[in-house]
Amino acid sequence: MSDPHQEQPDGPVVAVVTDRAAQRAKEFGAGEVLEALRAELAHRPRLGRLIRTVTEGGQRIELYSTRIEGDPASGRPPVNVVFAYAPAPPWPPTVRIAAVVPEDPRHPQP
């Protein structure tokens, strides 16, 4: 029997970025890579690490986190992205990118 958390949808998922997440990505110079992630999530909505599954109004929502590598040449820091995947209902399944947070800089070892 397959794990329902690992099954992929039959077709593309509606994937969107919240206004706040888009603004934060822009502040960090990560707008283009966030858009690339959004496009990938439309086909692979369970990309990343599952944080938790919750039920909201009778609908199962899976919360995920993933990391986008930084680009030292452009000065873009690595960022962590949090998104919610609602497999069904409603149809079609949806992904909402909700947060973009810069990773803490590494501290030099003494």
PDB file of N, CA and C in Angstrom:
ATOM      1  N   MET A   1       0.851  -1.174   0.000  1.00  0.00           N
ATOM      2  CA  MET A   1       0.000   0.000   0.000  1.00  0.00           C
ATOM      3  C   MET A   1       0.897   1.238   0.000  1.00  0.00           C
ATOM      4  N   SER A   2       0.574   2.206  -0.813  1.00  0.00           N
ATOM      5  CA  SER A   2       1.412   3.391  -0.905  1.00  0.00           C
ATOM      6  C   SER A   2       1.026   4.421   0.147  1.00  0.00           C
ATOM      7  N   ASP A   3       2.006   5.236   0.522  1.00  0.00           N
ATOM      8  CA  ASP A   3       1.794   6.305   1.499  1.00  0.00           C
ATOM      9  C   ASP A   3       1.132   7.479   0.787  1.00  0.00           C
ATOM     10  N   PRO A   4      -0.048   7.954   1.235  1.00  0.00           N
ATOM     11  CA  PRO A   4      -0.726   9.051   0.549  1.00  0.00           C
ATOM     12  C   PRO A   4       0.087  10.338   0.552  1.00  0.00           C
ATOM     13  N   HIS A   5       1.038  10.482   1.472  1.00  0.00           N
ATOM     14  CA  HIS A   5       1.863  11.687   1.505  1.00  0.00           C
ATOM     15  C   HIS A   5       2.905  11.679   0.396  1.00  0.00           C
ATOM     16  N   GLN A   6       3.167  10.525  -0.213  1.00  0.00           N
ATOM     17  CA  GLN A   6       4.192  10.444  -1.247  1.00  0.00           C
ATOM     18  C   GLN A   6       3.605  10.390  -2.658  1.00  0.00           C
ATOM     19  N   GLU A   7       2.299  10.197  -2.783  1.00  0.00           N
ATOM     20  CA  GLU A   7       1.678  10.154  -4.092  1.00  0.00           C
ATOM     21  C   GLU A   7       1.707  11.530  -4.738  1.00  0.00           C
ATOM     22  N   GLN A   8       1.949  11.563  -6.026  1.00  0.00           N
ATOM     23  CA  GLN A   8       1.945  12.823  -6.767  1.00  0.00           C
ATOM     24  C   GLN A   8       0.584  12.976  -7.447  1.00  0.00           C
ATOM     25  N   PRO A   9       0.127  14.209  -7.641  1.00  0.00           N
ATOM     26  CA  PRO A   9      -1.165  14.409  -8.303  1.00  0.00           C
ATOM     27  C   PRO A   9      -1.090  13.970  -9.761  1.00  0.00           C
ATOM     28  N   ASP A  10      -2.264  13.687 -10.345  1.00  0.00           N
ATOM     29  CA  ASP A  10      -2.319  13.257 -11.739  1.00  0.00           C
ATOM     30  C   ASP A  10      -1.963  14.361 -12.716  1.00  0.00           C
ATOM     31  N   GLY A  11      -2.273  15.597 -12.372  1.00  0.00           N
ATOM     32  CA  GLY A  11      -1.995  16.713 -13.268  1.00  0.00           C
ATOM     33  C   GLY A  11      -1.352  17.848 -12.507  1.00  0.00           C
ATOM     34  N   PRO A  12      -1.122  18.956 -13.191  1.00  0.00           N
ATOM     35  CA  PRO A  12      -0.497  20.093 -12.534  1.00  0.00           C
ATOM     36  C   PRO A  12      -1.333  20.618 -11.367  1.00  0.00           C
ATOM     37  N   VAL A  13      -0.639  21.181 -10.422  1.00  0.00           N
ATOM     38  CA  VAL A  13      -1.218  21.762  -9.225  1.00  0.00           C
ATOM     39  C   VAL A  13      -1.237  23.272  -9.414  1.00  0.00           C
ATOM     40  N   VAL A  14      -2.231  23.941  -8.872  1.00  0.00           N
ATOM     41  CA  VAL A  14      -2.239  25.401  -8.882  1.00  0.00           C
ATOM     42  C   VAL A  14      -1.249  25.846  -7.810  1.00  0.00           C
ATOM     43  N   ALA A  15      -0.186  26.527  -8.199  1.00  0.00           N
ATOM     44  CA  ALA A  15       0.849  26.966  -7.263  1.00  0.00           C
ATOM     45  C   ALA A  15       0.943  28.488  -7.309  1.00  0.00           C
ATOM     46  N   VAL A  16       0.853  29.115  -6.133  1.00  0.00           N
ATOM     47  CA  VAL A  16       0.888  30.573  -6.052  1.00  0.00           C
ATOM     48  C   VAL A  16       1.855  31.005  -4.958  1.00  0.00           C
ATOM     49  N   VAL A  17       2.266  32.272  -5.057  1.00  0.00           N
ATOM     50  CA  VAL A  17       3.126  32.894  -4.050  1.00  0.00           C
ATOM     51  C   VAL A  17       2.315  33.994  -3.394  1.00  0.00           C
ATOM     52  N   THR A  18       2.277  34.020  -2.063  1.00  0.00           N
ATOM     53  CA  THR A  18       1.560  35.100  -1.391  1.00  0.00           C
ATOM     54  C   THR A  18       2.287  36.418  -1.635  1.00  0.00           C
ATOM     55  N   ASP A  19       1.557  37.517  -1.502  1.00  0.00           N
ATOM     56  CA  ASP A  19       2.162  38.833  -1.707  1.00  0.00           C
ATOM     57  C   ASP A  19       3.340  39.045  -0.759  1.00  0.00           C
ATOM     58  N   ARG A  20       3.164  38.656   0.498  1.00  0.00           N
ATOM     59  CA  ARG A  20       4.226  38.853   1.488  1.00  0.00           C
ATOM     60  C   ARG A  20       5.468  38.045   1.144  1.00  0.00           C
ATOM     61  N   ALA A  21       5.305  36.792   0.730  1.00  0.00           N
ATOM     62  CA  ALA A  21       6.448  35.959   0.356  1.00  0.00           C
ATOM     63  C   ALA A  21       7.147  36.540  -0.868  1.00  0.00           C
ATOM     64  N   ALA A  22       6.382  37.036  -1.829  1.00  0.00           N
ATOM     65  CA  ALA A  22       6.977  37.643  -3.027  1.00  0.00           C
ATOM     66  C   ALA A  22       7.783  38.879  -2.657  1.00  0.00           C
ATOM     67  N   GLN A  23       7.258  39.691  -1.756  1.00  0.00           N
ATOM     68  CA  GLN A  23       7.962  40.892  -1.317  1.00  0.00           C
ATOM     69  C   GLN A  23       9.269  40.531  -0.616  1.00  0.00           C
ATOM     70  N   ARG A  24       9.215  39.545   0.264  1.00  0.00           N
ATOM     71  CA  ARG A  24      10.425  39.124   0.979  1.00  0.00           C
ATOM     72  C   ARG A  24      11.460  38.560   0.012  1.00  0.00           C
ATOM     73  N   ALA A  25      11.027  37.769  -0.942  1.00  0.00           N
ATOM     74  CA  ALA A  25      11.959  37.220  -1.932  1.00  0.00           C
ATOM     75  C   ALA A  25      12.622  38.349  -2.714  1.00  0.00           C
ATOM     76  N   LYS A  26      11.860  39.354  -3.078  1.00  0.00           N
ATOM     77  CA  LYS A  26      12.399  40.506  -3.803  1.00  0.00           C
ATOM     78  C   LYS A  26      13.457  41.217  -2.949  1.00  0.00           C
ATOM     79  N   GLU A  27      13.181  41.391  -1.649  1.00  0.00           N
ATOM     80  CA  GLU A  27      14.134  42.040  -0.744  1.00  0.00           C
ATOM     81  C   GLU A  27      15.471  41.308  -0.701  1.00  0.00           C
ATOM     82  N   PHE A  28      15.450  39.990  -0.843  1.00  0.00           N
ATOM     83  CA  PHE A  28      16.668  39.180  -0.775  1.00  0.00           C
ATOM     84  C   PHE A  28      17.255  38.885  -2.154  1.00  0.00           C
ATOM     85  N   GLY A  29      16.654  39.423  -3.200  1.00  0.00           N
ATOM     86  CA  GLY A  29      17.142  39.152  -4.554  1.00  0.00           C
ATOM     87  C   GLY A  29      16.842  37.745  -5.024  1.00  0.00           C
ATOM     88  N   ALA A  30      15.784  37.151  -4.458  1.00  0.00           N
ATOM     89  CA  ALA A  30      15.445  35.760  -4.761  1.00  0.00           C
ATOM     90  C   ALA A  30      14.150  35.631  -5.561  1.00  0.00           C
ATOM     91  N   GLY A  31      13.692  36.701  -6.185  1.00  0.00           N
ATOM     92  CA  GLY A  31      12.433  36.652  -6.924  1.00  0.00           C
ATOM     93  C   GLY A  31      12.426  35.627  -8.044  1.00  0.00           C
ATOM     94  N   GLU A  32      13.509  35.583  -8.827  1.00  0.00           N
ATOM     95  CA  GLU A  32      13.559  34.640  -9.961  1.00  0.00           C
ATOM     96  C   GLU A  32      13.631  33.193  -9.490  1.00  0.00           C
ATOM     97  N   VAL A  33      14.440  32.923  -8.461  1.00  0.00           N
ATOM     98  CA  VAL A  33      14.541  31.537  -7.999  1.00  0.00           C
ATOM     99  C   VAL A  33      13.265  31.099  -7.289  1.00  0.00           C
ATOM    100  N   LEU A  34      12.564  32.043  -6.654  1.00  0.00           N
ATOM    101  CA  LEU A  34      11.280  31.699  -6.043  1.00  0.00           C
ATOM    102  C   LEU A  34      10.261  31.353  -7.120  1.00  0.00           C
ATOM    103  N   GLU A  35      10.280  32.078  -8.212  1.00  0.00           N
ATOM    104  CA  GLU A  35       9.373  31.769  -9.336  1.00  0.00           C
ATOM    105  C   GLU A  35       9.697  30.391  -9.914  1.00  0.00           C
ATOM    106  N   ALA A  36      10.978  30.067 -10.019  1.00  0.00           N
ATOM    107  CA  ALA A  36      11.364  28.734 -10.511  1.00  0.00           C
ATOM    108  C   ALA A  36      10.866  27.649  -9.556  1.00  0.00           C
ATOM    109  N   LEU A  37      10.954  27.901  -8.251  1.00  0.00           N
ATOM    110  CA  LEU A  37      10.432  26.943  -7.280  1.00  0.00           C
ATOM    111  C   LEU A  37       8.921  26.810  -7.420  1.00  0.00           C
ATOM    112  N   ARG A  38       8.220  27.933  -7.590  1.00  0.00           N
ATOM    113  CA  ARG A  38       6.771  27.891  -7.766  1.00  0.00           C
ATOM    114  C   ARG A  38       6.400  27.009  -8.956  1.00  0.00           C
ATOM    115  N   ALA A  39       7.121  27.175 -10.060  1.00  0.00           N
ATOM    116  CA  ALA A  39       6.846  26.375 -11.259  1.00  0.00           C
ATOM    117  C   ALA A  39       7.119  24.890 -11.001  1.00  0.00           C
ATOM    118  N   GLU A  40       8.173  24.583 -10.258  1.00  0.00           N
ATOM    119  CA  GLU A  40       8.485  23.188  -9.955  1.00  0.00           C
ATOM    120  C   GLU A  40       7.428  22.578  -9.029  1.00  0.00           C
ATOM    121  N   LEU A  41       6.955  23.377  -8.073  1.00  0.00           N
ATOM    122  CA  LEU A  41       5.935  22.875  -7.150  1.00  0.00           C
ATOM    123  C   LEU A  41       4.617  22.562  -7.856  1.00  0.00           C
ATOM    124  N   ALA A  42       4.376  23.184  -8.995  1.00  0.00           N
ATOM    125  CA  ALA A  42       3.165  22.884  -9.770  1.00  0.00           C
ATOM    126  C   ALA A  42       3.183  21.443 -10.274  1.00  0.00           C
ATOM    127  N   HIS A  43       4.379  20.837 -10.338  1.00  0.00           N
ATOM    128  CA  HIS A  43       4.499  19.454 -10.807  1.00  0.00           C
ATOM    129  C   HIS A  43       4.938  18.497  -9.700  1.00  0.00           C
ATOM    130  N   ARG A  44       5.635  19.032  -8.685  1.00  0.00           N
ATOM    131  CA  ARG A  44       6.126  18.219  -7.568  1.00  0.00           C
ATOM    132  C   ARG A  44       5.787  18.925  -6.257  1.00  0.00           C
ATOM    133  N   PRO A  45       4.517  18.929  -5.862  1.00  0.00           N
ATOM    134  CA  PRO A  45       4.084  19.727  -4.713  1.00  0.00           C
ATOM    135  C   PRO A  45       4.599  19.252  -3.359  1.00  0.00           C
ATOM    136  N   ARG A  46       5.191  18.091  -3.316  1.00  0.00           N
ATOM    137  CA  ARG A  46       5.705  17.592  -2.038  1.00  0.00           C
ATOM    138  C   ARG A  46       7.229  17.678  -1.974  1.00  0.00           C
ATOM    139  N   LEU A  47       7.773  18.602  -2.714  1.00  0.00           N
ATOM    140  CA  LEU A  47       9.211  18.839  -2.715  1.00  0.00           C
ATOM    141  C   LEU A  47       9.599  19.444  -1.373  1.00  0.00           C
ATOM    142  N   GLY A  48      10.641  18.971  -0.771  1.00  0.00           N
ATOM    143  CA  GLY A  48      11.067  19.548   0.499  1.00  0.00           C
ATOM    144  C   GLY A  48      10.822  18.605   1.658  1.00  0.00           C
ATOM    145  N   ARG A  49      10.892  19.170   2.845  1.00  0.00           N
ATOM    146  CA  ARG A  49      10.748  18.400   4.079  1.00  0.00           C
ATOM    147  C   ARG A  49       9.371  18.659   4.671  1.00  0.00           C
ATOM    148  N   LEU A  50       8.640  17.580   4.917  1.00  0.00           N
ATOM    149  CA  LEU A  50       7.319  17.694   5.530  1.00  0.00           C
ATOM    150  C   LEU A  50       7.483  18.153   6.972  1.00  0.00           C
ATOM    151  N   ILE A  51       6.860  19.268   7.311  1.00  0.00           N
ATOM    152  CA  ILE A  51       6.917  19.799   8.672  1.00  0.00           C
ATOM    153  C   ILE A  51       5.805  19.184   9.513  1.00  0.00           C
ATOM    154  N   ARG A  52       4.594  19.240   8.973  1.00  0.00           N
ATOM    155  CA  ARG A  52       3.446  18.671   9.684  1.00  0.00           C
ATOM    156  C   ARG A  52       2.254  18.637   8.746  1.00  0.00           C
ATOM    157  N   THR A  53       1.258  17.873   9.145  1.00  0.00           N
ATOM    158  CA  THR A  53      -0.018  17.814   8.444  1.00  0.00           C
ATOM    159  C   THR A  53      -1.085  18.269   9.420  1.00  0.00           C
ATOM    160  N   VAL A  54      -1.946  19.177   8.955  1.00  0.00           N
ATOM    161  CA  VAL A  54      -3.028  19.680   9.796  1.00  0.00           C
ATOM    162  C   VAL A  54      -4.343  19.529   9.046  1.00  0.00           C
ATOM    163  N   THR A  55      -5.435  19.572   9.786  1.00  0.00           N
ATOM    164  CA  THR A  55      -6.751  19.566   9.171  1.00  0.00           C
ATOM    165  C   THR A  55      -7.395  20.900   9.481  1.00  0.00           C
ATOM    166  N   GLU A  56      -7.842  21.572   8.444  1.00  0.00           N
ATOM    167  CA  GLU A  56      -8.448  22.901   8.586  1.00  0.00           C
ATOM    168  C   GLU A  56      -9.770  22.887   7.840  1.00  0.00           C
ATOM    169  N   GLY A  57     -10.870  23.046   8.551  1.00  0.00           N
ATOM    170  CA  GLY A  57     -12.180  23.032   7.917  1.00  0.00           C
ATOM    171  C   GLY A  57     -12.465  21.730   7.192  1.00  0.00           C
ATOM    172  N   GLY A  58     -11.955  20.617   7.710  1.00  0.00           N
ATOM    173  CA  GLY A  58     -12.173  19.320   7.086  1.00  0.00           C
ATOM    174  C   GLY A  58     -11.220  19.026   5.943  1.00  0.00           C
ATOM    175  N   GLN A  59     -10.332  19.940   5.623  1.00  0.00           N
ATOM    176  CA  GLN A  59      -9.379  19.765   4.517  1.00  0.00           C
ATOM    177  C   GLN A  59      -7.991  19.482   5.074  1.00  0.00           C
ATOM    178  N   ARG A  60      -7.317  18.472   4.529  1.00  0.00           N
ATOM    179  CA  ARG A  60      -5.950  18.154   4.941  1.00  0.00           C
ATOM    180  C   ARG A  60      -4.984  19.129   4.270  1.00  0.00           C
ATOM    181  N   ILE A  61      -4.100  19.707   5.068  1.00  0.00           N
ATOM    182  CA  ILE A  61      -3.090  20.630   4.542  1.00  0.00           C
ATOM    183  C   ILE A  61      -1.734  20.153   5.037  1.00  0.00           C
ATOM    184  N   GLU A  62      -0.810  20.004   4.108  1.00  0.00           N
ATOM    185  CA  GLU A  62       0.541  19.556   4.435  1.00  0.00           C
ATOM    186  C   GLU A  62       1.467  20.773   4.378  1.00  0.00           C
ATOM    187  N   LEU A  63       2.247  20.980   5.430  1.00  0.00           N
ATOM    188  CA  LEU A  63       3.179  22.101   5.481  1.00  0.00           C
ATOM    189  C   LEU A  63       4.586  21.582   5.224  1.00  0.00           C
ATOM    190  N   TYR A  64       5.291  22.236   4.297  1.00  0.00           N
ATOM    191  CA  TYR A  64       6.628  21.822   3.890  1.00  0.00           C
ATOM    192  C   TYR A  64       7.605  22.981   4.008  1.00  0.00           C
ATOM    193  N   SER A  65       8.880  22.615   4.089  1.00  0.00           N
ATOM    194  CA  SER A  65       9.960  23.594   4.082  1.00  0.00           C
ATOM    195  C   SER A  65      11.005  23.123   3.070  1.00  0.00           C
ATOM    196  N   THR A  66      11.602  24.061   2.374  1.00  0.00           N
ATOM    197  CA  THR A  66      12.701  23.731   1.477  1.00  0.00           C
ATOM    198  C   THR A  66      13.698  24.880   1.490  1.00  0.00           C
ATOM    199  N   ARG A  67      14.893  24.617   1.052  1.00  0.00           N
ATOM    200  CA  ARG A  67      15.970  25.602   1.078  1.00  0.00           C
ATOM    201  C   ARG A  67      16.369  25.930  -0.351  1.00  0.00           C
ATOM    202  N   ILE A  68      16.588  27.212  -0.605  1.00  0.00           N
ATOM    203  CA  ILE A  68      17.130  27.657  -1.888  1.00  0.00           C
ATOM    204  C   ILE A  68      18.548  28.135  -1.608  1.00  0.00           C
ATOM    205  N   GLU A  69      19.494  27.531  -2.281  1.00  0.00           N
ATOM    206  CA  GLU A  69      20.897  27.883  -2.092  1.00  0.00           C
ATOM    207  C   GLU A  69      21.133  29.358  -2.405  1.00  0.00           C
ATOM    208  N   GLY A  70      22.097  29.936  -1.730  1.00  0.00           N
ATOM    209  CA  GLY A  70      22.484  31.311  -2.003  1.00  0.00           C
ATOM    210  C   GLY A  70      23.360  31.396  -3.239  1.00  0.00           C
ATOM    211  N   ASP A  71      23.585  32.611  -3.694  1.00  0.00           N
ATOM    212  CA  ASP A  71      24.463  32.863  -4.835  1.00  0.00           C
ATOM    213  C   ASP A  71      25.445  33.961  -4.432  1.00  0.00           C
ATOM    214  N   PRO A  72      26.632  33.561  -3.981  1.00  0.00           N
ATOM    215  CA  PRO A  72      27.601  34.554  -3.518  1.00  0.00           C
ATOM    216  C   PRO A  72      27.963  35.588  -4.593  1.00  0.00           C
ATOM    217  N   ALA A  73      27.977  35.186  -5.859  1.00  0.00           N
ATOM    218  CA  ALA A  73      28.339  36.114  -6.933  1.00  0.00           C
ATOM    219  C   ALA A  73      27.355  37.275  -7.031  1.00  0.00           C
ATOM    220  N   SER A  74      26.074  37.006  -6.787  1.00  0.00           N
ATOM    221  CA  SER A  74      25.071  38.073  -6.875  1.00  0.00           C
ATOM    222  C   SER A  74      24.748  38.664  -5.501  1.00  0.00           C
ATOM    223  N   GLY A  75      25.300  38.061  -4.440  1.00  0.00           N
ATOM    224  CA  GLY A  75      25.024  38.542  -3.099  1.00  0.00           C
ATOM    225  C   GLY A  75      23.714  38.038  -2.522  1.00  0.00           C
ATOM    226  N   ARG A  76      23.076  37.067  -3.203  1.00  0.00           N
ATOM    227  CA  ARG A  76      21.801  36.531  -2.706  1.00  0.00           C
ATOM    228  C   ARG A  76      22.072  35.493  -1.635  1.00  0.00           C
ATOM    229  N   PRO A  77      21.497  35.697  -0.438  1.00  0.00           N
ATOM    230  CA  PRO A  77      21.717  34.729   0.639  1.00  0.00           C
ATOM    231  C   PRO A  77      20.874  33.472   0.429  1.00  0.00           C
ATOM    232  N   PRO A  78      21.258  32.373   1.084  1.00  0.00           N
ATOM    233  CA  PRO A  78      20.367  31.214   1.060  1.00  0.00           C
ATOM    234  C   PRO A  78      19.096  31.558   1.815  1.00  0.00           C
ATOM    235  N   VAL A  79      17.977  31.034   1.350  1.00  0.00           N
ATOM    236  CA  VAL A  79      16.699  31.300   2.000  1.00  0.00           C
ATOM    237  C   VAL A  79      15.961  29.990   2.239  1.00  0.00           C
ATOM    238  N   ASN A  80      15.137  29.999   3.263  1.00  0.00           N
ATOM    239  CA  ASN A  80      14.236  28.886   3.543  1.00  0.00           C
ATOM    240  C   ASN A  80      12.834  29.315   3.133  1.00  0.00           C
ATOM    241  N   VAL A  81      12.134  28.407   2.491  1.00  0.00           N
ATOM    242  CA  VAL A  81      10.793  28.684   1.979  1.00  0.00           C
ATOM    243  C   VAL A  81       9.818  27.711   2.629  1.00  0.00           C
ATOM    244  N   VAL A  82       8.712  28.250   3.121  1.00  0.00           N
ATOM    245  CA  VAL A  82       7.660  27.425   3.719  1.00  0.00           C
ATOM    246  C   VAL A  82       6.432  27.511   2.822  1.00  0.00           C
ATOM    247  N   PHE A  83       5.852  26.351   2.536  1.00  0.00           N
ATOM    248  CA  PHE A  83       4.657  26.339   1.688  1.00  0.00           C
ATOM    249  C   PHE A  83       3.662  25.313   2.187  1.00  0.00           C
ATOM    250  N   ALA A  84       2.405  25.541   1.828  1.00  0.00           N
ATOM    251  CA  ALA A  84       1.302  24.661   2.213  1.00  0.00           C
ATOM    252  C   ALA A  84       0.752  23.980   0.962  1.00  0.00           C
ATOM    253  N   TYR A  85       0.529  22.688   1.063  1.00  0.00           N
ATOM    254  CA  TYR A  85      -0.035  21.912  -0.038  1.00  0.00           C
ATOM    255  C   TYR A  85      -1.364  21.341   0.420  1.00  0.00           C
ATOM    256  N   ALA A  86      -2.425  21.655  -0.311  1.00  0.00           N
ATOM    257  CA  ALA A  86      -3.758  21.109  -0.059  1.00  0.00           C
ATOM    258  C   ALA A  86      -4.072  20.149  -1.200  1.00  0.00           C
ATOM    259  N   PRO A  87      -3.882  18.827  -0.973  1.00  0.00           N
ATOM    260  CA  PRO A  87      -4.047  17.872  -2.065  1.00  0.00           C
ATOM    261  C   PRO A  87      -5.460  17.773  -2.609  1.00  0.00           C
ATOM    262  N   ALA A  88      -6.466  17.702  -1.743  1.00  0.00           N
ATOM    263  CA  ALA A  88      -7.845  17.616  -2.210  1.00  0.00           C
ATOM    264  C   ALA A  88      -8.755  17.379  -1.027  1.00  0.00           C
ATOM    265  N   PRO A  89     -10.006  17.739  -1.057  1.00  0.00           N
ATOM    266  CA  PRO A  89     -10.483  18.777  -1.958  1.00  0.00           C
ATOM    267  C   PRO A  89      -9.917  20.123  -1.548  1.00  0.00           C
ATOM    268  N   PRO A  90      -9.980  21.188  -2.152  1.00  0.00           N
ATOM    269  CA  PRO A  90     -10.697  21.384  -3.403  1.00  0.00           C
ATOM    270  C   PRO A  90      -9.874  20.889  -4.589  1.00  0.00           C
ATOM    271  N   TRP A  91     -10.530  20.731  -5.671  1.00  0.00           N
ATOM    272  CA  TRP A  91      -9.835  20.393  -6.920  1.00  0.00           C
ATOM    273  C   TRP A  91      -9.719  21.637  -7.734  1.00  0.00           C
ATOM    274  N   PRO A  92      -8.673  21.927  -8.370  1.00  0.00           N
ATOM    275  CA  PRO A  92      -7.434  21.148  -8.359  1.00  0.00           C
ATOM    276  C   PRO A  92      -6.662  21.344  -7.064  1.00  0.00           C
ATOM    277  N   PRO A  93      -5.701  20.454  -6.816  1.00  0.00           N
ATOM    278  CA  PRO A  93      -4.849  20.618  -5.651  1.00  0.00           C
ATOM    279  C   PRO A  93      -4.099  21.953  -5.738  1.00  0.00           C
ATOM    280  N   THR A  94      -3.747  22.508  -4.578  1.00  0.00           N
ATOM    281  CA  THR A  94      -3.102  23.821  -4.566  1.00  0.00           C
ATOM    282  C   THR A  94      -1.874  23.834  -3.660  1.00  0.00           C
ATOM    283  N   VAL A  95      -0.910  24.684  -4.047  1.00  0.00           N
ATOM    284  CA  VAL A  95       0.262  24.970  -3.232  1.00  0.00           C
ATOM    285  C   VAL A  95       0.295  26.471  -3.032  1.00  0.00           C
ATOM    286  N   ARG A  96       0.539  26.890  -1.793  1.00  0.00           N
ATOM    287  CA  ARG A  96       0.663  28.318  -1.488  1.00  0.00           C
ATOM    288  C   ARG A  96       1.999  28.540  -0.790  1.00  0.00           C
ATOM    289  N   ILE A  97       2.900  29.263  -1.475  1.00  0.00           N
ATOM    290  CA  ILE A  97       4.181  29.624  -0.864  1.00  0.00           C
ATOM    291  C   ILE A  97       3.888  30.790   0.071  1.00  0.00           C
ATOM    292  N   ALA A  98       4.134  30.583   1.367  1.00  0.00           N
ATOM    293  CA  ALA A  98       3.702  31.553   2.361  1.00  0.00           C
ATOM    294  C   ALA A  98       4.827  32.355   2.999  1.00  0.00           C
ATOM    295  N   ALA A  99       6.041  31.812   3.047  1.00  0.00           N
ATOM    296  CA  ALA A  99       7.108  32.520   3.748  1.00  0.00           C
ATOM    297  C   ALA A  99       8.453  32.285   3.084  1.00  0.00           C
ATOM    298  N   VAL A 100       9.253  33.350   3.045  1.00  0.00           N
ATOM    299  CA  VAL A 100      10.634  33.292   2.571  1.00  0.00           C
ATOM    300  C   VAL A 100      11.468  33.952   3.665  1.00  0.00           C
ATOM    301  N   VAL A 101      12.399  33.190   4.231  1.00  0.00           N
ATOM    302  CA  VAL A 101      13.184  33.669   5.362  1.00  0.00           C
ATOM    303  C   VAL A 101      14.661  33.448   5.062  1.00  0.00           C
ATOM    304  N   PRO A 102      15.500  34.487   5.244  1.00  0.00           N
ATOM    305  CA  PRO A 102      16.926  34.286   5.005  1.00  0.00           C
ATOM    306  C   PRO A 102      17.513  33.365   6.079  1.00  0.00           C
ATOM    307  N   GLU A 103      18.481  32.587   5.652  1.00  0.00           N
ATOM    308  CA  GLU A 103      19.149  31.706   6.594  1.00  0.00           C
ATOM    309  C   GLU A 103      20.101  32.542   7.436  1.00  0.00           C
ATOM    310  N   ASP A 104      20.239  32.189   8.697  1.00  0.00           N
ATOM    311  CA  ASP A 104      21.186  32.890   9.561  1.00  0.00           C
ATOM    312  C   ASP A 104      22.591  32.695   9.009  1.00  0.00           C
ATOM    313  N   PRO A 105      23.412  33.760   9.023  1.00  0.00           N
ATOM    314  CA  PRO A 105      24.788  33.598   8.550  1.00  0.00           C
ATOM    315  C   PRO A 105      25.553  32.662   9.492  1.00  0.00           C
ATOM    316  N   ARG A 106      26.485  31.950   8.915  1.00  0.00           N
ATOM    317  CA  ARG A 106      27.305  31.063   9.729  1.00  0.00           C
ATOM    318  C   ARG A 106      28.292  31.890  10.528  1.00  0.00           C
ATOM    319  N   HIS A 107      28.450  31.491  11.770  1.00  0.00           N
ATOM    320  CA  HIS A 107      29.390  32.200  12.635  1.00  0.00           C
ATOM    321  C   HIS A 107      30.749  31.502  12.554  1.00  0.00           C
ATOM    322  N   PRO A 108      31.810  32.289  12.481  1.00  0.00           N
ATOM    323  CA  PRO A 108      33.148  31.657  12.434  1.00  0.00           C
ATOM    324  C   PRO A 108      33.411  30.857  13.706  1.00  0.00           C
ATOM    325  N   GLN A 109      34.056  29.742  13.535  1.00  0.00           N
ATOM    326  CA  GLN A 109      34.413  28.893  14.674  1.00  0.00           C
ATOM    327  C   GLN A 109      35.615  29.504  15.375  1.00  0.00           C
ATOM    328  N   PRO A 110      35.632  29.487  16.718  1.00  0.00           N
ATOM    329  CA  PRO A 110      36.780  30.065  17.454  1.00  0.00           C
ATOM    330  C   PRO A 110      38.025  29.234  17.313  1.00  0.00           C
TER     331      PRO A 110
END
